[in-house]
Structures are given as structure tokens and as C-alpha cells.
Protein backbone atom coordinates (compact mmCIF):
# COMPACT_ATOMS: atom_id res chain seq x y z
CA MET A 1 17.16 151.28 -116.26
CA GLN A 2 14.99 153.56 -118.38
CA ARG A 3 12.65 156.00 -116.69
CA ARG A 4 9.12 156.27 -118.02
CA LEU A 5 7.63 158.09 -115.10
CA SER A 6 9.09 160.45 -112.50
CA THR A 7 7.88 162.74 -109.76
CA SER A 8 9.39 165.24 -107.35
CA SER A 9 6.60 164.58 -104.87
CA THR A 10 7.16 162.17 -101.98
CA ALA A 11 3.44 161.42 -101.82
CA GLY A 12 3.34 160.84 -105.58
CA GLY A 13 6.36 158.53 -105.52
CA ARG A 14 4.90 156.56 -102.63
CA ALA A 15 1.57 156.22 -104.45
CA LEU A 16 3.31 155.09 -107.65
CA ALA A 17 5.37 152.50 -105.76
CA LEU A 18 2.22 151.18 -104.06
CA ALA A 19 0.57 150.97 -107.50
CA ASP A 20 3.49 148.78 -108.68
CA ALA A 21 4.62 151.49 -111.12
CA GLY A 22 8.34 151.19 -110.34
CA VAL A 23 11.10 151.82 -107.85
CA PHE A 24 10.98 154.75 -105.45
CA ALA A 25 13.88 156.10 -103.37
CA ALA A 26 12.87 157.82 -100.15
CA PRO A 27 14.03 158.24 -96.56
CA ARG A 28 13.23 155.24 -94.40
CA PHE A 29 10.61 157.03 -92.31
CA VAL A 30 8.54 157.82 -95.43
CA LEU A 31 8.01 154.16 -96.30
CA GLU A 32 8.54 152.26 -93.05
CA THR A 33 4.81 151.61 -92.49
CA GLU A 34 4.37 150.11 -95.98
CA VAL A 35 7.54 148.01 -95.68
CA ALA A 36 6.52 146.72 -92.23
CA ALA A 37 3.06 145.81 -93.57
CA GLY A 38 4.53 144.00 -96.57
CA ARG A 39 3.01 146.38 -99.11
CA LEU A 40 6.50 147.46 -100.28
CA VAL A 41 9.86 145.68 -100.30
CA ARG A 42 13.34 147.19 -100.06
CA VAL A 43 15.14 146.23 -103.25
CA LEU A 44 18.50 148.00 -102.80
CA PRO A 45 19.13 147.90 -99.04
CA THR A 46 22.82 148.84 -99.29
CA VAL A 47 22.21 152.00 -101.34
CA LYS A 48 22.37 155.17 -99.22
CA LEU A 49 20.56 158.34 -100.26
CA PRO A 50 22.63 161.53 -100.33
CA GLN A 51 22.26 163.82 -97.33
CA VAL A 52 20.05 166.85 -97.90
CA THR A 53 19.49 170.11 -96.09
CA LEU A 54 15.95 170.83 -94.97
CA TYR A 55 14.72 174.34 -94.27
CA ALA A 56 11.63 175.42 -92.33
CA ALA A 57 10.46 178.73 -93.79
CA ARG A 58 8.08 181.13 -92.12
CA PRO A 59 7.21 184.82 -92.36
CA ALA A 60 9.91 187.04 -90.83
CA ARG A 61 7.47 189.21 -88.90
CA GLY A 62 7.29 188.46 -85.20
CA GLU A 63 7.58 185.17 -83.39
CA PRO A 64 5.87 182.17 -84.97
CA PRO A 65 2.89 180.71 -83.11
CA ARG A 66 3.67 178.19 -80.36
CA LYS A 67 2.27 175.33 -82.49
CA THR A 68 4.63 176.26 -85.35
CA ARG A 69 7.65 176.36 -83.02
CA ALA A 70 6.64 173.02 -81.49
CA PHE A 71 6.31 171.45 -84.95
CA ILE A 72 9.74 172.72 -86.02
CA GLU A 73 11.35 171.37 -82.84
CA LEU A 74 9.62 168.00 -83.25
CA ALA A 75 10.69 167.78 -86.91
CA LYS A 76 14.30 168.61 -86.00
CA ALA A 77 14.37 165.96 -83.28
CA ARG A 78 12.81 163.27 -85.49
CA LEU A 79 15.01 163.99 -88.47
CA ARG A 80 18.15 163.87 -86.32
CA GLN A 81 17.36 160.33 -85.07
CA SER A 82 19.63 157.62 -86.41
CA PRO A 83 17.96 155.08 -88.71
CA ARG A 84 18.35 152.46 -85.97
CA GLN A 85 16.27 154.44 -83.47
CA SER A 86 12.56 153.91 -83.37
CA ARG A 87 10.37 156.46 -85.10
CA HIS A 88 7.40 155.48 -82.92
CA GLU A 89 7.71 156.60 -79.32
């Protein structure tokens, strides 16, 4: 398969896939709404993406605001869910 277009942006890849510009590999939660609505179709369901490490960066001075801490905790909990668990609680 020859690549004519590429992006390192999740939003850009999603937009290109929705515009029928090619195949886009992304974590399930990024595209689940479009797949459920029939706007996108999984074409390689047995292919697994490599695991990645995600970092939350913030300034080192003092404690982060409560909203920032809550967001980080929510993100950690959601990203730890197995693919079989619901993303919509």
C-alpha cells in the first residue's frame, strides 16, 4: 500500500477517514462513535495497535488545580478500561 497522505494528528486522521481519503489506525475510543453510526467501517479488525505510553505534563510549581487533577484521574481510569468495557457510563 502506497501512502499519499499522512498525519500525526488524531483529529486530522479522523477527518481524512471521514472524507474517504484512506485508512486510519486509531484506538477504539477515538472512532467508536463513527463506527457505531456507520460513518466508518473497521477494515482490519484483527490488527492490534502497539501499546504506547501517555504522559500528562504540567508545570512543576505547586499543586495543579483541582480540575486538572480530576481530568488526569478520569483520563487514567478511562484509558485503563479494557476494550470490552463500555466507554459510556
